[in-house]
């Protein structure tokens, strides 16, 4: 796959602090399966597809939690949202899960090839459910910002 949006991730496959956290990809076949499951068989936005191709199993600047697969992570967040009767009306894909799964980053699958990154909370301070806000104007700029933090010796999180 030709990388167009996530060049920085392609050129920087490991962290700058320890150099042993190395991105691990998933196959194009696995990506196609995820497209069938979460986007009705339509292709993912190109930047998301690149992310999964370069670092779908492990990404040193994103937190995939203790999940064994992208499918497991997607299912986990969707189950939590369903438990709280929260519905995201547009097709989406989770790219990062943290704080015991109560917070997550996601992209909408019906945007352009370099979608914006949103942060969602399924449960917040025992009061507020379903809060979401924009984190970054594009997936590529978000990933690039995190990589630049690691280059400075900072934690990307």
N, C-alpha and C. Protein backbone atom coordinates (compact mmCIF):
# COMPACT_ATOMS: atom_id res chain seq x y z
N UNK A 1 0.85 -1.18 0.00
CA UNK A 1 0.00 0.00 0.00
C UNK A 1 0.89 1.24 0.00
N UNK A 2 0.58 2.17 -0.87
CA UNK A 2 1.31 3.43 -0.93
C UNK A 2 0.78 4.34 0.19
N UNK A 3 1.68 4.83 1.01
CA UNK A 3 1.32 5.69 2.15
C UNK A 3 1.31 7.14 1.68
N UNK A 4 0.16 7.79 1.85
CA UNK A 4 -0.02 9.16 1.41
C UNK A 4 -0.16 10.13 2.58
N UNK A 5 -0.94 9.76 3.60
CA UNK A 5 -1.25 10.66 4.70
C UNK A 5 -0.38 10.45 5.94
N UNK A 6 -0.01 9.24 6.22
CA UNK A 6 0.73 8.94 7.45
C UNK A 6 2.20 8.66 7.19
N UNK A 7 2.81 9.52 6.39
CA UNK A 7 4.25 9.41 6.07
C UNK A 7 5.10 9.42 7.33
N UNK A 8 4.75 10.29 8.29
CA UNK A 8 5.53 10.38 9.53
C UNK A 8 5.50 9.06 10.29
N UNK A 9 4.39 8.39 10.29
CA UNK A 9 4.29 7.09 10.96
C UNK A 9 5.10 6.04 10.20
N UNK A 10 5.06 6.11 8.89
CA UNK A 10 5.84 5.18 8.07
C UNK A 10 7.34 5.40 8.28
N UNK A 11 7.76 6.65 8.35
CA UNK A 11 9.19 6.99 8.49
C UNK A 11 9.70 6.85 9.92
N UNK A 12 8.80 6.77 10.87
CA UNK A 12 9.16 6.68 12.29
C UNK A 12 8.42 5.48 12.91
N UNK A 13 8.90 4.27 12.63
CA UNK A 13 8.16 3.08 13.05
C UNK A 13 8.32 2.68 14.52
N UNK A 14 9.19 3.40 15.26
CA UNK A 14 9.35 3.06 16.67
C UNK A 14 9.53 4.32 17.50
N UNK A 15 9.34 4.14 18.82
CA UNK A 15 9.40 5.29 19.72
C UNK A 15 10.83 5.82 19.86
N UNK A 16 10.95 7.04 20.34
CA UNK A 16 12.25 7.69 20.47
C UNK A 16 12.79 7.63 21.89
N UNK A 17 12.02 7.11 22.82
CA UNK A 17 12.50 7.03 24.19
C UNK A 17 13.28 5.75 24.41
N UNK A 18 12.67 4.62 24.08
CA UNK A 18 13.29 3.33 24.34
C UNK A 18 13.69 2.58 23.07
N UNK A 19 13.13 2.95 21.96
CA UNK A 19 13.38 2.33 20.66
C UNK A 19 13.02 0.85 20.60
N UNK A 20 12.25 0.38 21.55
CA UNK A 20 11.82 -1.01 21.44
C UNK A 20 10.31 -1.15 21.31
N UNK A 21 9.59 -0.05 21.33
CA UNK A 21 8.16 -0.08 21.04
C UNK A 21 8.02 0.16 19.55
N UNK A 22 7.76 -0.91 18.83
CA UNK A 22 7.74 -0.86 17.37
C UNK A 22 6.31 -1.11 16.87
N UNK A 23 5.89 -0.29 15.92
CA UNK A 23 4.57 -0.47 15.32
C UNK A 23 4.44 -1.87 14.73
N UNK A 24 3.24 -2.44 14.85
CA UNK A 24 2.95 -3.74 14.26
C UNK A 24 1.70 -3.60 13.39
N UNK A 25 1.79 -4.01 12.14
CA UNK A 25 0.66 -3.85 11.21
C UNK A 25 -0.36 -4.98 11.31
N UNK A 26 -1.47 -4.77 10.64
CA UNK A 26 -2.38 -5.87 10.35
C UNK A 26 -2.46 -5.98 8.82
N UNK A 27 -2.92 -7.10 8.34
CA UNK A 27 -2.93 -7.37 6.90
C UNK A 27 -4.08 -6.64 6.21
N UNK A 28 -3.95 -6.52 4.90
CA UNK A 28 -5.02 -5.92 4.11
C UNK A 28 -6.30 -6.76 4.20
N UNK A 29 -6.15 -8.06 4.32
CA UNK A 29 -7.32 -8.93 4.49
C UNK A 29 -8.05 -8.62 5.79
N UNK A 30 -7.29 -8.40 6.87
CA UNK A 30 -7.90 -8.02 8.16
C UNK A 30 -8.60 -6.67 8.05
N UNK A 31 -7.97 -5.74 7.34
CA UNK A 31 -8.56 -4.40 7.16
C UNK A 31 -9.87 -4.52 6.38
N UNK A 32 -9.89 -5.32 5.34
CA UNK A 32 -11.11 -5.52 4.56
C UNK A 32 -12.22 -6.13 5.42
N UNK A 33 -11.87 -7.04 6.31
CA UNK A 33 -12.85 -7.62 7.22
C UNK A 33 -13.42 -6.54 8.15
N UNK A 34 -12.57 -5.67 8.65
CA UNK A 34 -13.03 -4.57 9.50
C UNK A 34 -13.94 -3.62 8.73
N UNK A 35 -13.63 -3.39 7.45
CA UNK A 35 -14.49 -2.54 6.61
C UNK A 35 -15.87 -3.17 6.46
N UNK A 36 -15.92 -4.49 6.30
CA UNK A 36 -17.21 -5.18 6.19
C UNK A 36 -18.00 -5.05 7.49
N UNK A 37 -17.31 -5.20 8.61
CA UNK A 37 -17.99 -5.18 9.90
C UNK A 37 -18.46 -3.79 10.32
N UNK A 38 -17.66 -2.77 10.07
CA UNK A 38 -17.92 -1.45 10.65
C UNK A 38 -18.27 -0.35 9.65
N UNK A 39 -18.18 -0.69 8.35
CA UNK A 39 -18.50 0.34 7.35
C UNK A 39 -19.32 -0.25 6.20
N UNK A 40 -20.09 -1.28 6.49
CA UNK A 40 -20.95 -1.91 5.49
C UNK A 40 -20.20 -2.29 4.22
N UNK A 41 -18.94 -2.69 4.36
CA UNK A 41 -18.15 -3.12 3.22
C UNK A 41 -17.53 -2.00 2.42
N UNK A 42 -17.83 -0.76 2.76
CA UNK A 42 -17.24 0.38 2.05
C UNK A 42 -15.81 0.58 2.54
N UNK A 43 -14.93 1.07 1.67
CA UNK A 43 -13.55 1.32 2.10
C UNK A 43 -13.48 2.36 3.21
N UNK A 44 -12.56 2.14 4.14
CA UNK A 44 -12.29 3.13 5.18
C UNK A 44 -11.65 4.36 4.55
N UNK A 45 -11.70 5.49 5.23
CA UNK A 45 -10.91 6.64 4.79
C UNK A 45 -9.44 6.22 4.67
N UNK A 46 -8.75 6.75 3.68
CA UNK A 46 -7.38 6.31 3.37
C UNK A 46 -6.44 6.43 4.57
N UNK A 47 -6.51 7.51 5.32
CA UNK A 47 -5.61 7.69 6.46
C UNK A 47 -5.83 6.61 7.52
N UNK A 48 -7.08 6.22 7.76
CA UNK A 48 -7.35 5.15 8.71
C UNK A 48 -6.81 3.83 8.19
N UNK A 49 -7.01 3.57 6.92
CA UNK A 49 -6.49 2.34 6.32
C UNK A 49 -4.97 2.29 6.44
N UNK A 50 -4.31 3.42 6.22
CA UNK A 50 -2.86 3.50 6.38
C UNK A 50 -2.45 3.22 7.82
N UNK A 51 -3.18 3.79 8.78
CA UNK A 51 -2.88 3.56 10.19
C UNK A 51 -2.93 2.06 10.50
N UNK A 52 -3.98 1.41 10.07
CA UNK A 52 -4.12 -0.02 10.34
C UNK A 52 -3.05 -0.83 9.62
N UNK A 53 -2.73 -0.45 8.40
CA UNK A 53 -1.71 -1.14 7.61
C UNK A 53 -0.32 -1.00 8.24
N UNK A 54 -0.04 0.17 8.81
CA UNK A 54 1.27 0.41 9.42
C UNK A 54 1.33 -0.03 10.88
N UNK A 55 0.21 0.11 11.59
CA UNK A 55 0.25 -0.10 13.04
C UNK A 55 -1.10 -0.52 13.60
N UNK A 56 -1.77 -1.44 12.95
CA UNK A 56 -3.09 -1.86 13.40
C UNK A 56 -3.08 -2.82 14.57
N UNK A 57 -1.97 -3.51 14.76
CA UNK A 57 -1.87 -4.43 15.90
C UNK A 57 -1.27 -3.72 17.12
N UNK A 58 -0.30 -2.85 16.87
CA UNK A 58 0.32 -2.06 17.94
C UNK A 58 0.82 -0.76 17.34
N UNK A 59 0.54 0.34 18.04
CA UNK A 59 1.03 1.65 17.63
C UNK A 59 1.58 2.36 18.86
N UNK A 60 2.84 2.76 18.79
CA UNK A 60 3.48 3.34 19.98
C UNK A 60 2.93 4.71 20.37
N UNK A 61 2.14 5.34 19.52
CA UNK A 61 1.56 6.64 19.89
C UNK A 61 0.06 6.56 20.17
N UNK A 62 -0.51 5.36 20.10
CA UNK A 62 -1.92 5.16 20.42
C UNK A 62 -2.04 4.03 21.43
N UNK A 63 -3.11 4.03 22.19
CA UNK A 63 -3.34 3.00 23.18
C UNK A 63 -4.47 2.10 22.69
N UNK A 64 -4.14 0.84 22.42
CA UNK A 64 -5.15 -0.12 21.99
C UNK A 64 -5.65 -0.97 23.15
N UNK A 65 -5.18 -0.67 24.35
CA UNK A 65 -5.63 -1.42 25.52
C UNK A 65 -5.10 -2.85 25.50
N UNK A 66 -5.73 -3.68 26.27
CA UNK A 66 -5.31 -5.08 26.39
C UNK A 66 -6.05 -5.98 25.42
N UNK A 67 -6.55 -5.39 24.35
CA UNK A 67 -7.34 -6.15 23.40
C UNK A 67 -6.45 -6.93 22.45
N UNK A 68 -6.92 -8.09 22.05
CA UNK A 68 -6.16 -8.95 21.15
C UNK A 68 -6.30 -8.55 19.68
N UNK A 69 -7.30 -7.71 19.38
CA UNK A 69 -7.52 -7.34 17.99
C UNK A 69 -8.29 -6.01 17.92
N UNK A 70 -8.26 -5.42 16.74
CA UNK A 70 -9.05 -4.22 16.51
C UNK A 70 -10.53 -4.53 16.68
N UNK A 71 -10.95 -5.69 16.22
CA UNK A 71 -12.36 -6.08 16.34
C UNK A 71 -12.79 -6.16 17.80
N UNK A 72 -11.93 -6.70 18.64
CA UNK A 72 -12.24 -6.79 20.07
C UNK A 72 -12.37 -5.40 20.69
N UNK A 73 -11.47 -4.48 20.31
CA UNK A 73 -11.53 -3.12 20.84
C UNK A 73 -12.80 -2.41 20.38
N UNK A 74 -13.16 -2.57 19.11
CA UNK A 74 -14.39 -1.95 18.59
C UNK A 74 -15.61 -2.46 19.34
N UNK A 75 -15.65 -3.77 19.54
CA UNK A 75 -16.78 -4.38 20.23
C UNK A 75 -16.90 -3.92 21.66
N UNK A 76 -15.78 -3.78 22.33
CA UNK A 76 -15.77 -3.35 23.73
C UNK A 76 -16.39 -1.96 23.88
N UNK A 77 -15.94 -1.01 23.07
CA UNK A 77 -16.47 0.35 23.16
C UNK A 77 -17.95 0.37 22.81
N UNK A 78 -18.32 -0.34 21.77
CA UNK A 78 -19.72 -0.36 21.36
C UNK A 78 -20.61 -0.97 22.45
N UNK A 79 -20.13 -1.99 23.12
CA UNK A 79 -20.89 -2.59 24.23
C UNK A 79 -21.09 -1.60 25.37
N UNK A 80 -20.01 -0.87 25.72
CA UNK A 80 -20.14 0.13 26.79
C UNK A 80 -21.13 1.22 26.42
N UNK A 81 -21.06 1.67 25.19
CA UNK A 81 -22.00 2.71 24.75
C UNK A 81 -23.44 2.19 24.80
N UNK A 82 -23.62 0.96 24.37
CA UNK A 82 -24.96 0.36 24.38
C UNK A 82 -25.49 0.22 25.81
N UNK A 83 -24.63 -0.17 26.74
CA UNK A 83 -25.05 -0.29 28.15
C UNK A 83 -25.56 1.03 28.69
N UNK A 84 -24.98 2.12 28.23
CA UNK A 84 -25.38 3.45 28.70
C UNK A 84 -26.42 4.10 27.78
N UNK A 85 -26.96 3.34 26.84
CA UNK A 85 -27.94 3.85 25.88
C UNK A 85 -27.43 5.06 25.12
N UNK A 86 -26.17 4.99 24.73
CA UNK A 86 -25.55 6.05 23.93
C UNK A 86 -25.40 5.52 22.51
N UNK A 87 -25.79 6.32 21.56
CA UNK A 87 -25.71 5.91 20.17
C UNK A 87 -24.94 6.95 19.37
N UNK A 88 -23.93 6.52 18.66
CA UNK A 88 -23.24 7.38 17.71
C UNK A 88 -23.91 7.10 16.37
N UNK A 89 -24.56 8.09 15.82
CA UNK A 89 -25.44 7.91 14.67
C UNK A 89 -24.71 7.68 13.35
N UNK A 90 -23.47 8.05 13.28
CA UNK A 90 -22.71 7.89 12.04
C UNK A 90 -21.76 6.71 12.18
N UNK A 91 -21.35 6.11 11.06
CA UNK A 91 -20.37 5.03 11.15
C UNK A 91 -19.05 5.58 11.71
N UNK A 92 -18.45 4.84 12.66
CA UNK A 92 -17.23 5.31 13.30
C UNK A 92 -16.30 4.15 13.56
N UNK A 93 -15.04 4.50 13.84
CA UNK A 93 -14.03 3.49 14.15
C UNK A 93 -13.16 4.02 15.28
N UNK A 94 -13.03 3.24 16.32
CA UNK A 94 -12.24 3.61 17.49
C UNK A 94 -10.76 3.41 17.18
N UNK A 95 -9.93 4.42 17.48
CA UNK A 95 -8.49 4.31 17.22
C UNK A 95 -7.66 4.30 18.50
N UNK A 96 -8.28 4.53 19.66
CA UNK A 96 -7.54 4.60 20.91
C UNK A 96 -8.55 4.43 22.05
N UNK A 97 -8.18 3.64 23.05
CA UNK A 97 -9.04 3.43 24.22
C UNK A 97 -8.18 3.62 25.46
N UNK A 98 -8.69 4.38 26.42
CA UNK A 98 -7.92 4.60 27.65
C UNK A 98 -8.86 4.85 28.82
N UNK A 99 -8.27 4.98 30.00
CA UNK A 99 -9.04 5.19 31.22
C UNK A 99 -10.07 4.06 31.41
N UNK A 100 -9.55 2.83 31.34
CA UNK A 100 -10.37 1.62 31.49
C UNK A 100 -11.52 1.57 30.49
N UNK A 101 -11.29 2.15 29.32
CA UNK A 101 -12.30 2.10 28.27
C UNK A 101 -13.37 3.15 28.38
N UNK A 102 -13.33 3.99 29.41
CA UNK A 102 -14.37 5.00 29.56
C UNK A 102 -14.15 6.19 28.62
N UNK A 103 -12.94 6.31 28.09
CA UNK A 103 -12.64 7.36 27.13
C UNK A 103 -12.01 6.71 25.90
N UNK A 104 -12.29 7.29 24.75
CA UNK A 104 -11.78 6.72 23.52
C UNK A 104 -11.68 7.79 22.45
N UNK A 105 -10.83 7.54 21.48
CA UNK A 105 -10.69 8.40 20.31
C UNK A 105 -11.27 7.65 19.12
N UNK A 106 -11.91 8.38 18.24
CA UNK A 106 -12.51 7.72 17.08
C UNK A 106 -12.55 8.67 15.89
N UNK A 107 -12.75 8.08 14.72
CA UNK A 107 -12.95 8.84 13.50
C UNK A 107 -14.28 8.41 12.89
N UNK A 108 -14.94 9.35 12.24
CA UNK A 108 -16.14 9.01 11.48
C UNK A 108 -15.69 8.44 10.14
N UNK A 109 -16.40 7.44 9.68
CA UNK A 109 -16.03 6.75 8.45
C UNK A 109 -16.68 7.37 7.21
N UNK A 110 -17.53 8.36 7.41
CA UNK A 110 -18.21 9.00 6.28
C UNK A 110 -17.64 10.39 5.98
N UNK A 111 -16.41 10.63 6.43
CA UNK A 111 -15.73 11.89 6.12
C UNK A 111 -14.76 11.67 4.97
N UNK A 112 -13.91 12.65 4.72
CA UNK A 112 -12.95 12.52 3.63
C UNK A 112 -11.86 11.52 3.98
N UNK A 113 -10.83 11.44 3.15
CA UNK A 113 -9.78 10.44 3.32
C UNK A 113 -8.86 10.69 4.51
N UNK A 114 -8.95 11.85 5.14
CA UNK A 114 -8.13 12.16 6.31
C UNK A 114 -9.06 12.75 7.38
N UNK A 115 -9.89 11.89 7.99
CA UNK A 115 -10.95 12.37 8.88
C UNK A 115 -10.42 13.00 10.17
N UNK A 116 -11.27 13.81 10.76
CA UNK A 116 -10.98 14.43 12.05
C UNK A 116 -11.00 13.37 13.15
N UNK A 117 -10.29 13.65 14.24
CA UNK A 117 -10.25 12.76 15.40
C UNK A 117 -11.13 13.36 16.49
N UNK A 118 -12.00 12.53 17.04
CA UNK A 118 -12.92 12.94 18.09
C UNK A 118 -12.62 12.13 19.36
N UNK A 119 -12.87 12.75 20.50
CA UNK A 119 -12.74 12.06 21.78
C UNK A 119 -14.12 11.86 22.34
N UNK A 120 -14.39 10.65 22.80
CA UNK A 120 -15.69 10.36 23.38
C UNK A 120 -15.56 9.81 24.78
N UNK A 121 -16.55 10.08 25.60
CA UNK A 121 -16.65 9.54 26.95
C UNK A 121 -17.96 8.78 27.01
N UNK A 122 -17.92 7.55 27.45
CA UNK A 122 -19.20 6.86 27.57
C UNK A 122 -19.81 7.11 28.93
N UNK A 123 -18.98 7.51 29.89
CA UNK A 123 -19.49 7.79 31.23
C UNK A 123 -18.53 8.78 31.86
N UNK A 124 -19.05 9.88 32.36
CA UNK A 124 -18.17 10.94 32.85
C UNK A 124 -18.68 11.48 34.19
N UNK A 125 -17.87 11.32 35.23
CA UNK A 125 -18.13 11.88 36.56
C UNK A 125 -19.51 11.55 37.11
N UNK A 126 -19.97 10.33 36.91
CA UNK A 126 -21.25 9.85 37.43
C UNK A 126 -22.45 10.71 37.03
N UNK A 127 -22.28 11.63 36.13
CA UNK A 127 -23.38 12.52 35.77
C UNK A 127 -23.66 12.55 34.28
N UNK A 128 -22.63 12.59 33.49
CA UNK A 128 -22.80 12.93 32.09
C UNK A 128 -22.43 11.74 31.22
N UNK A 129 -23.31 11.35 30.34
CA UNK A 129 -23.06 10.22 29.45
C UNK A 129 -23.05 10.71 28.01
N UNK A 130 -22.12 10.18 27.25
CA UNK A 130 -22.13 10.44 25.82
C UNK A 130 -21.50 11.72 25.36
N UNK A 131 -20.61 12.28 26.13
CA UNK A 131 -19.94 13.51 25.72
C UNK A 131 -18.91 13.22 24.64
N UNK A 132 -18.80 14.07 23.66
CA UNK A 132 -17.83 13.91 22.58
C UNK A 132 -17.37 15.28 22.12
N UNK A 133 -16.10 15.36 21.73
CA UNK A 133 -15.61 16.63 21.19
C UNK A 133 -14.49 16.38 20.18
N UNK A 134 -14.23 17.37 19.37
CA UNK A 134 -13.20 17.30 18.34
C UNK A 134 -11.82 17.45 18.97
N UNK A 135 -10.91 16.55 18.63
CA UNK A 135 -9.53 16.61 19.14
C UNK A 135 -8.56 17.18 18.13
N UNK A 136 -8.75 16.83 16.88
CA UNK A 136 -7.81 17.23 15.85
C UNK A 136 -8.54 17.32 14.51
N UNK A 137 -8.10 18.24 13.68
CA UNK A 137 -8.72 18.42 12.38
C UNK A 137 -8.50 17.28 11.42
N UNK A 138 -7.47 16.46 11.67
CA UNK A 138 -7.24 15.31 10.79
C UNK A 138 -6.47 14.23 11.54
N UNK A 139 -6.67 13.01 11.10
CA UNK A 139 -5.95 11.88 11.69
C UNK A 139 -4.45 12.03 11.49
N UNK A 140 -4.03 12.45 10.31
CA UNK A 140 -2.59 12.57 10.05
C UNK A 140 -1.95 13.63 10.94
N UNK A 141 -2.60 14.77 11.16
CA UNK A 141 -2.00 15.80 12.01
C UNK A 141 -1.97 15.34 13.47
N UNK A 142 -2.97 14.60 13.89
CA UNK A 142 -2.98 14.07 15.26
C UNK A 142 -1.81 13.11 15.47
N UNK A 143 -1.62 12.17 14.57
CA UNK A 143 -0.54 11.19 14.67
C UNK A 143 0.81 11.90 14.61
N UNK A 144 0.94 12.86 13.71
CA UNK A 144 2.20 13.61 13.58
C UNK A 144 2.54 14.35 14.87
N UNK A 145 1.55 14.95 15.51
CA UNK A 145 1.77 15.64 16.78
C UNK A 145 2.29 14.68 17.84
N UNK A 146 1.71 13.49 17.92
CA UNK A 146 2.16 12.50 18.90
C UNK A 146 3.57 12.02 18.60
N UNK A 147 3.89 11.80 17.35
CA UNK A 147 5.24 11.38 16.98
C UNK A 147 6.24 12.47 17.35
N UNK A 148 5.91 13.72 17.07
CA UNK A 148 6.81 14.82 17.41
C UNK A 148 7.05 14.91 18.92
N UNK A 149 6.04 14.59 19.71
CA UNK A 149 6.23 14.57 21.17
C UNK A 149 7.25 13.50 21.55
N UNK A 150 7.16 12.33 20.94
CA UNK A 150 8.12 11.27 21.28
C UNK A 150 9.53 11.64 20.83
N UNK A 151 9.64 12.35 19.74
CA UNK A 151 10.96 12.79 19.26
C UNK A 151 11.62 13.73 20.27
N UNK A 152 10.81 14.44 21.04
CA UNK A 152 11.33 15.35 22.08
C UNK A 152 11.56 14.62 23.40
N UNK A 153 11.32 13.30 23.40
CA UNK A 153 11.50 12.52 24.62
C UNK A 153 10.30 12.56 25.54
N UNK A 154 9.18 13.05 25.05
CA UNK A 154 7.96 13.14 25.87
C UNK A 154 7.07 11.93 25.64
N UNK A 155 6.23 11.67 26.57
CA UNK A 155 5.25 10.62 26.47
C UNK A 155 4.19 11.08 25.45
N UNK A 156 3.83 10.25 24.47
CA UNK A 156 2.83 10.69 23.49
C UNK A 156 1.43 10.81 24.07
N UNK A 157 1.21 10.25 25.25
CA UNK A 157 -0.12 10.26 25.84
C UNK A 157 -0.27 11.44 26.76
